[in-house]
Amino acid sequence: MRIIAVEPDENKVELMRLNLDLNGVTNVEIVDKGVSSSNGEASVTLSRLIHEYGPIDFLKVDCDGCEGEISEE
């Protein structure tokens, strides 16, 4: 199973990388951006993630109330 973790916070990304390395986890790819309804330097759309990484079997989104906006995109 391959996991794509999308996280815009630099501190959380660094902590995630450290934890993954310490635990020998190798099936996680980190995208250091936020999921949004538009692509940008710090954001990526759900459709762009699917285009780059393939179909999604499971999706967990925490975007502080913008889930509807993202899913409509």
PDB file of N, CA and C in Angstrom:
ATOM      1  N   MET A   1       0.848  -1.173   0.000  1.00  0.00           N
ATOM      2  CA  MET A   1       0.000   0.000   0.000  1.00  0.00           C
ATOM      3  C   MET A   1       0.896   1.239   0.000  1.00  0.00           C
ATOM      4  N   ARG A   2       0.551   2.181  -0.840  1.00  0.00           N
ATOM      5  CA  ARG A   2       1.276   3.439  -0.916  1.00  0.00           C
ATOM      6  C   ARG A   2       0.430   4.532  -0.275  1.00  0.00           C
ATOM      7  N   ILE A   3       1.063   5.378   0.514  1.00  0.00           N
ATOM      8  CA  ILE A   3       0.369   6.464   1.204  1.00  0.00           C
ATOM      9  C   ILE A   3       0.938   7.784   0.725  1.00  0.00           C
ATOM     10  N   ILE A   4       0.039   8.697   0.363  1.00  0.00           N
ATOM     11  CA  ILE A   4       0.420  10.057  -0.004  1.00  0.00           C
ATOM     12  C   ILE A   4      -0.067  10.963   1.116  1.00  0.00           C
ATOM     13  N   ALA A   5       0.866  11.583   1.830  1.00  0.00           N
ATOM     14  CA  ALA A   5       0.524  12.481   2.935  1.00  0.00           C
ATOM     15  C   ALA A   5       0.686  13.915   2.457  1.00  0.00           C
ATOM     16  N   VAL A   6      -0.373  14.694   2.565  1.00  0.00           N
ATOM     17  CA  VAL A   6      -0.356  16.079   2.109  1.00  0.00           C
ATOM     18  C   VAL A   6      -0.432  16.972   3.340  1.00  0.00           C
ATOM     19  N   GLU A   7       0.603  17.784   3.539  1.00  0.00           N
ATOM     20  CA  GLU A   7       0.690  18.618   4.738  1.00  0.00           C
ATOM     21  C   GLU A   7       1.422  19.920   4.414  1.00  0.00           C
ATOM     22  N   PRO A   8       0.781  21.074   4.616  1.00  0.00           N
ATOM     23  CA  PRO A   8       1.415  22.345   4.279  1.00  0.00           C
ATOM     24  C   PRO A   8       2.351  22.897   5.368  1.00  0.00           C
ATOM     25  N   ASP A   9       2.209  22.454   6.598  1.00  0.00           N
ATOM     26  CA  ASP A   9       2.985  22.999   7.715  1.00  0.00           C
ATOM     27  C   ASP A   9       4.405  22.406   7.725  1.00  0.00           C
ATOM     28  N   GLU A  10       5.409  23.263   7.549  1.00  0.00           N
ATOM     29  CA  GLU A  10       6.803  22.810   7.465  1.00  0.00           C
ATOM     30  C   GLU A  10       7.230  22.020   8.700  1.00  0.00           C
ATOM     31  N   ASN A  11       6.829  22.477   9.884  1.00  0.00           N
ATOM     32  CA  ASN A  11       7.217  21.802  11.117  1.00  0.00           C
ATOM     33  C   ASN A  11       6.618  20.396  11.193  1.00  0.00           C
ATOM     34  N   LYS A  12       5.363  20.262  10.786  1.00  0.00           N
ATOM     35  CA  LYS A  12       4.722  18.944  10.800  1.00  0.00           C
ATOM     36  C   LYS A  12       5.331  18.024   9.754  1.00  0.00           C
ATOM     37  N   VAL A  13       5.706  18.573   8.609  1.00  0.00           N
ATOM     38  CA  VAL A  13       6.358  17.772   7.563  1.00  0.00           C
ATOM     39  C   VAL A  13       7.689  17.236   8.074  1.00  0.00           C
ATOM     40  N   GLU A  14       8.473  18.080   8.717  1.00  0.00           N
ATOM     41  CA  GLU A  14       9.764  17.653   9.244  1.00  0.00           C
ATOM     42  C   GLU A  14       9.594  16.584  10.318  1.00  0.00           C
ATOM     43  N   LEU A  15       8.615  16.757  11.198  1.00  0.00           N
ATOM     44  CA  LEU A  15       8.338  15.769  12.232  1.00  0.00           C
ATOM     45  C   LEU A  15       7.868  14.444  11.616  1.00  0.00           C
ATOM     46  N   MET A  16       7.032  14.545  10.579  1.00  0.00           N
ATOM     47  CA  MET A  16       6.558  13.347   9.885  1.00  0.00           C
ATOM     48  C   MET A  16       7.733  12.595   9.256  1.00  0.00           C
ATOM     49  N   ARG A  17       8.628  13.316   8.588  1.00  0.00           N
ATOM     50  CA  ARG A  17       9.797  12.681   7.970  1.00  0.00           C
ATOM     51  C   ARG A  17      10.649  11.980   9.033  1.00  0.00           C
ATOM     52  N   LEU A  18      10.876  12.653  10.147  1.00  0.00           N
ATOM     53  CA  LEU A  18      11.665  12.083  11.229  1.00  0.00           C
ATOM     54  C   LEU A  18      11.022  10.802  11.762  1.00  0.00           C
ATOM     55  N   ASN A  19       9.717  10.842  12.026  1.00  0.00           N
ATOM     56  CA  ASN A  19       9.007   9.667  12.530  1.00  0.00           C
ATOM     57  C   ASN A  19       9.022   8.516  11.534  1.00  0.00           C
ATOM     58  N   LEU A  20       8.834   8.830  10.267  1.00  0.00           N
ATOM     59  CA  LEU A  20       8.861   7.785   9.243  1.00  0.00           C
ATOM     60  C   LEU A  20      10.238   7.130   9.184  1.00  0.00           C
ATOM     61  N   ASP A  21      11.300   7.956   9.219  1.00  0.00           N
ATOM     62  CA  ASP A  21      12.663   7.427   9.181  1.00  0.00           C
ATOM     63  C   ASP A  21      12.966   6.586  10.417  1.00  0.00           C
ATOM     64  N   LEU A  22      12.605   7.099  11.581  1.00  0.00           N
ATOM     65  CA  LEU A  22      12.873   6.376  12.833  1.00  0.00           C
ATOM     66  C   LEU A  22      12.173   5.027  12.887  1.00  0.00           C
ATOM     67  N   ASN A  23      11.008   4.940  12.247  1.00  0.00           N
ATOM     68  CA  ASN A  23      10.225   3.708  12.279  1.00  0.00           C
ATOM     69  C   ASN A  23      10.405   2.847  11.029  1.00  0.00           C
ATOM     70  N   GLY A  24      11.299   3.250  10.148  1.00  0.00           N
ATOM     71  CA  GLY A  24      11.582   2.453   8.963  1.00  0.00           C
ATOM     72  C   GLY A  24      10.424   2.370   7.974  1.00  0.00           C
ATOM     73  N   VAL A  25       9.566   3.362   7.976  1.00  0.00           N
ATOM     74  CA  VAL A  25       8.413   3.375   7.071  1.00  0.00           C
ATOM     75  C   VAL A  25       8.868   3.919   5.721  1.00  0.00           C
ATOM     76  N   THR A  26       8.629   3.143   4.664  1.00  0.00           N
ATOM     77  CA  THR A  26       9.124   3.530   3.337  1.00  0.00           C
ATOM     78  C   THR A  26       8.028   3.689   2.290  1.00  0.00           C
ATOM     79  N   ASN A  27       6.774   3.484   2.675  1.00  0.00           N
ATOM     80  CA  ASN A  27       5.684   3.536   1.694  1.00  0.00           C
ATOM     81  C   ASN A  27       4.889   4.834   1.757  1.00  0.00           C
ATOM     82  N   VAL A  28       5.480   5.897   2.329  1.00  0.00           N
ATOM     83  CA  VAL A  28       4.787   7.182   2.454  1.00  0.00           C
ATOM     84  C   VAL A  28       5.522   8.225   1.629  1.00  0.00           C
ATOM     85  N   GLU A  29       4.777   8.904   0.766  1.00  0.00           N
ATOM     86  CA  GLU A  29       5.305  10.044   0.017  1.00  0.00           C
ATOM     87  C   GLU A  29       4.664  11.295   0.589  1.00  0.00           C
ATOM     88  N   ILE A  30       5.468  12.294   0.909  1.00  0.00           N
ATOM     89  CA  ILE A  30       4.960  13.527   1.500  1.00  0.00           C
ATOM     90  C   ILE A  30       4.895  14.611   0.437  1.00  0.00           C
ATOM     91  N   VAL A  31       3.726  15.233   0.332  1.00  0.00           N
ATOM     92  CA  VAL A  31       3.528  16.393  -0.535  1.00  0.00           C
ATOM     93  C   VAL A  31       3.425  17.583   0.406  1.00  0.00           C
ATOM     94  N   ASP A  32       4.411  18.462   0.380  1.00  0.00           N
ATOM     95  CA  ASP A  32       4.445  19.576   1.328  1.00  0.00           C
ATOM     96  C   ASP A  32       3.671  20.791   0.814  1.00  0.00           C
ATOM     97  N   LYS A  33       2.384  20.540   0.604  1.00  0.00           N
ATOM     98  CA  LYS A  33       1.442  21.566   0.166  1.00  0.00           C
ATOM     99  C   LYS A  33       0.116  21.332   0.863  1.00  0.00           C
ATOM    100  N   GLY A  34      -0.797  22.254   0.709  1.00  0.00           N
ATOM    101  CA  GLY A  34      -2.143  22.079   1.216  1.00  0.00           C
ATOM    102  C   GLY A  34      -3.079  21.711   0.085  1.00  0.00           C
ATOM    103  N   VAL A  35      -4.126  20.951   0.388  1.00  0.00           N
ATOM    104  CA  VAL A  35      -5.137  20.623  -0.618  1.00  0.00           C
ATOM    105  C   VAL A  35      -6.092  21.804  -0.708  1.00  0.00           C
ATOM    106  N   SER A  36      -6.364  22.241  -1.912  1.00  0.00           N
ATOM    107  CA  SER A  36      -7.187  23.428  -2.136  1.00  0.00           C
ATOM    108  C   SER A  36      -8.028  23.242  -3.394  1.00  0.00           C
ATOM    109  N   SER A  37      -8.834  24.238  -3.684  1.00  0.00           N
ATOM    110  CA  SER A  37      -9.634  24.192  -4.911  1.00  0.00           C
ATOM    111  C   SER A  37      -8.867  24.760  -6.097  1.00  0.00           C
ATOM    112  N   SER A  38      -7.602  25.183  -5.870  1.00  0.00           N
ATOM    113  CA  SER A  38      -6.776  25.672  -6.970  1.00  0.00           C
ATOM    114  C   SER A  38      -5.323  25.263  -6.745  1.00  0.00           C
ATOM    115  N   ASN A  39      -4.602  25.085  -7.839  1.00  0.00           N
ATOM    116  CA  ASN A  39      -3.181  24.743  -7.762  1.00  0.00           C
ATOM    117  C   ASN A  39      -2.377  26.018  -7.578  1.00  0.00           C
ATOM    118  N   GLY A  40      -1.322  25.925  -6.814  1.00  0.00           N
ATOM    119  CA  GLY A  40      -0.449  27.070  -6.593  1.00  0.00           C
ATOM    120  C   GLY A  40       0.869  26.620  -6.019  1.00  0.00           C
ATOM    121  N   GLU A  41       1.699  27.581  -5.645  1.00  0.00           N
ATOM    122  CA  GLU A  41       3.008  27.250  -5.087  1.00  0.00           C
ATOM    123  C   GLU A  41       2.886  26.471  -3.781  1.00  0.00           C
ATOM    124  N   ALA A  42       1.870  26.801  -2.973  1.00  0.00           N
ATOM    125  CA  ALA A  42       1.708  26.145  -1.666  1.00  0.00           C
ATOM    126  C   ALA A  42       0.459  25.277  -1.598  1.00  0.00           C
ATOM    127  N   SER A  43      -0.208  25.071  -2.738  1.00  0.00           N
ATOM    128  CA  SER A  43      -1.453  24.291  -2.714  1.00  0.00           C
ATOM    129  C   SER A  43      -1.557  23.404  -3.948  1.00  0.00           C
ATOM    130  N   VAL A  44      -2.386  22.373  -3.800  1.00  0.00           N
ATOM    131  CA  VAL A  44      -2.597  21.419  -4.886  1.00  0.00           C
ATOM    132  C   VAL A  44      -4.056  20.973  -4.848  1.00  0.00           C
ATOM    133  N   THR A  45      -4.636  20.767  -6.020  1.00  0.00           N
ATOM    134  CA  THR A  45      -6.025  20.303  -6.073  1.00  0.00           C
ATOM    135  C   THR A  45      -6.078  18.781  -5.954  1.00  0.00           C
ATOM    136  N   LEU A  46      -7.228  18.303  -5.567  1.00  0.00           N
ATOM    137  CA  LEU A  46      -7.446  16.865  -5.480  1.00  0.00           C
ATOM    138  C   LEU A  46      -7.271  16.220  -6.852  1.00  0.00           C
ATOM    139  N   SER A  47      -7.755  16.860  -7.896  1.00  0.00           N
ATOM    140  CA  SER A  47      -7.605  16.290  -9.241  1.00  0.00           C
ATOM    141  C   SER A  47      -6.139  16.221  -9.665  1.00  0.00           C
ATOM    142  N   ARG A  48      -5.325  17.186  -9.257  1.00  0.00           N
ATOM    143  CA  ARG A  48      -3.895  17.164  -9.570  1.00  0.00           C
ATOM    144  C   ARG A  48      -3.211  16.010  -8.831  1.00  0.00           C
ATOM    145  N   LEU A  49      -3.595  15.780  -7.561  1.00  0.00           N
ATOM    146  CA  LEU A  49      -3.041  14.650  -6.809  1.00  0.00           C
ATOM    147  C   LEU A  49      -3.375  13.329  -7.483  1.00  0.00           C
ATOM    148  N   ILE A  50      -4.623  13.190  -7.934  1.00  0.00           N
ATOM    149  CA  ILE A  50      -5.034  11.959  -8.625  1.00  0.00           C
ATOM    150  C   ILE A  50      -4.259  11.802  -9.928  1.00  0.00           C
ATOM    151  N   HIS A  51      -4.078  12.899 -10.652  1.00  0.00           N
ATOM    152  CA  HIS A  51      -3.325  12.857 -11.906  1.00  0.00           C
ATOM    153  C   HIS A  51      -1.875  12.426 -11.657  1.00  0.00           C
ATOM    154  N   GLU A  52      -1.253  12.932 -10.604  1.00  0.00           N
ATOM    155  CA  GLU A  52       0.160  12.651 -10.337  1.00  0.00           C
ATOM    156  C   GLU A  52       0.393  11.310  -9.642  1.00  0.00           C
ATOM    157  N   TYR A  53      -0.555  10.885  -8.782  1.00  0.00           N
ATOM    158  CA  TYR A  53      -0.318   9.698  -7.967  1.00  0.00           C
ATOM    159  C   TYR A  53      -1.263   8.543  -8.262  1.00  0.00           C
ATOM    160  N   GLY A  54      -2.261   8.756  -9.093  1.00  0.00           N
ATOM    161  CA  GLY A  54      -3.177   7.675  -9.439  1.00  0.00           C
ATOM    162  C   GLY A  54      -4.445   7.698  -8.602  1.00  0.00           C
ATOM    163  N   PRO A  55      -5.320   6.708  -8.817  1.00  0.00           N
ATOM    164  CA  PRO A  55      -6.604   6.660  -8.131  1.00  0.00           C
ATOM    165  C   PRO A  55      -6.424   6.561  -6.612  1.00  0.00           C
ATOM    166  N   ILE A  56      -7.400   7.087  -5.892  1.00  0.00           N
ATOM    167  CA  ILE A  56      -7.391   7.084  -4.429  1.00  0.00           C
ATOM    168  C   ILE A  56      -8.363   6.030  -3.934  1.00  0.00           C
ATOM    169  N   ASP A  57      -7.867   5.131  -3.097  1.00  0.00           N
ATOM    170  CA  ASP A  57      -8.728   4.119  -2.488  1.00  0.00           C
ATOM    171  C   ASP A  57      -9.363   4.626  -1.201  1.00  0.00           C
ATOM    172  N   PHE A  58      -8.651   5.463  -0.477  1.00  0.00           N
ATOM    173  CA  PHE A  58      -9.132   5.991   0.800  1.00  0.00           C
ATOM    174  C   PHE A  58      -8.632   7.416   0.922  1.00  0.00           C
ATOM    175  N   LEU A  59      -9.494   8.314   1.405  1.00  0.00           N
ATOM    176  CA  LEU A  59      -9.120   9.722   1.538  1.00  0.00           C
ATOM    177  C   LEU A  59      -9.571  10.242   2.881  1.00  0.00           C
ATOM    178  N   LYS A  60      -8.642  10.820   3.629  1.00  0.00           N
ATOM    179  CA  LYS A  60      -8.955  11.481   4.882  1.00  0.00           C
ATOM    180  C   LYS A  60      -8.507  12.920   4.729  1.00  0.00           C
ATOM    181  N   VAL A  61      -9.436  13.857   4.852  1.00  0.00           N
ATOM    182  CA  VAL A  61      -9.129  15.267   4.631  1.00  0.00           C
ATOM    183  C   VAL A  61      -9.439  16.061   5.889  1.00  0.00           C
ATOM    184  N   ASP A  62      -8.474  16.880   6.291  1.00  0.00           N
ATOM    185  CA  ASP A  62      -8.670  17.824   7.390  1.00  0.00           C
ATOM    186  C   ASP A  62      -8.268  19.187   6.850  1.00  0.00           C
ATOM    187  N   CYS A  63      -9.258  19.944   6.431  1.00  0.00           N
ATOM    188  CA  CYS A  63      -8.937  21.247   5.824  1.00  0.00           C
ATOM    189  C   CYS A  63      -9.733  22.379   6.453  1.00  0.00           C
ATOM    190  N   ASP A  64     -10.066  22.220   7.707  1.00  0.00           N
ATOM    191  CA  ASP A  64     -10.717  23.278   8.486  1.00  0.00           C
ATOM    192  C   ASP A  64     -11.979  23.814   7.830  1.00  0.00           C
ATOM    193  N   GLY A  65     -12.869  22.909   7.421  1.00  0.00           N
ATOM    194  CA  GLY A  65     -14.181  23.314   6.927  1.00  0.00           C
ATOM    195  C   GLY A  65     -14.305  23.494   5.432  1.00  0.00           C
ATOM    196  N   CYS A  66     -13.260  23.227   4.657  1.00  0.00           N
ATOM    197  CA  CYS A  66     -13.352  23.441   3.204  1.00  0.00           C
ATOM    198  C   CYS A  66     -13.530  22.130   2.437  1.00  0.00           C
ATOM    199  N   GLU A  67     -13.933  21.065   3.120  1.00  0.00           N
ATOM    200  CA  GLU A  67     -14.083  19.764   2.476  1.00  0.00           C
ATOM    201  C   GLU A  67     -15.039  19.817   1.277  1.00  0.00           C
ATOM    202  N   GLY A  68     -16.137  20.536   1.407  1.00  0.00           N
ATOM    203  CA  GLY A  68     -17.105  20.647   0.310  1.00  0.00           C
ATOM    204  C   GLY A  68     -16.506  21.315  -0.908  1.00  0.00           C
ATOM    205  N   GLU A  69     -15.768  22.359  -0.699  1.00  0.00           N
ATOM    206  CA  GLU A  69     -15.116  23.090  -1.796  1.00  0.00           C
ATOM    207  C   GLU A  69     -14.115  22.205  -2.524  1.00  0.00           C
ATOM    208  N   ILE A  70     -13.356  21.429  -1.788  1.00  0.00           N
ATOM    209  CA  ILE A  70     -12.360  20.538  -2.384  1.00  0.00           C
ATOM    210  C   ILE A  70     -13.031  19.405  -3.150  1.00  0.00           C
ATOM    211  N   SER A  71     -14.076  18.818  -2.577  1.00  0.00           N
ATOM    212  CA  SER A  71     -14.720  17.677  -3.232  1.00  0.00           C
ATOM    213  C   SER A  71     -15.486  18.094  -4.473  1.00  0.00           C
ATOM    214  N   GLU A  72     -15.923  19.332  -4.565  1.00  0.00           N
ATOM    215  CA  GLU A  72     -16.628  19.813  -5.761  1.00  0.00           C
ATOM    216  C   GLU A  72     -15.669  20.023  -6.912  1.00  0.00           C
ATOM    217  N   GLU A  73     -14.422  20.281  -6.622  1.00  0.00           N
ATOM    218  CA  GLU A  73     -13.396  20.541  -7.628  1.00  0.00           C
ATOM    219  C   GLU A  73     -13.136  19.317  -8.408  1.00  0.00           C
TER     220      GLU A  73
END
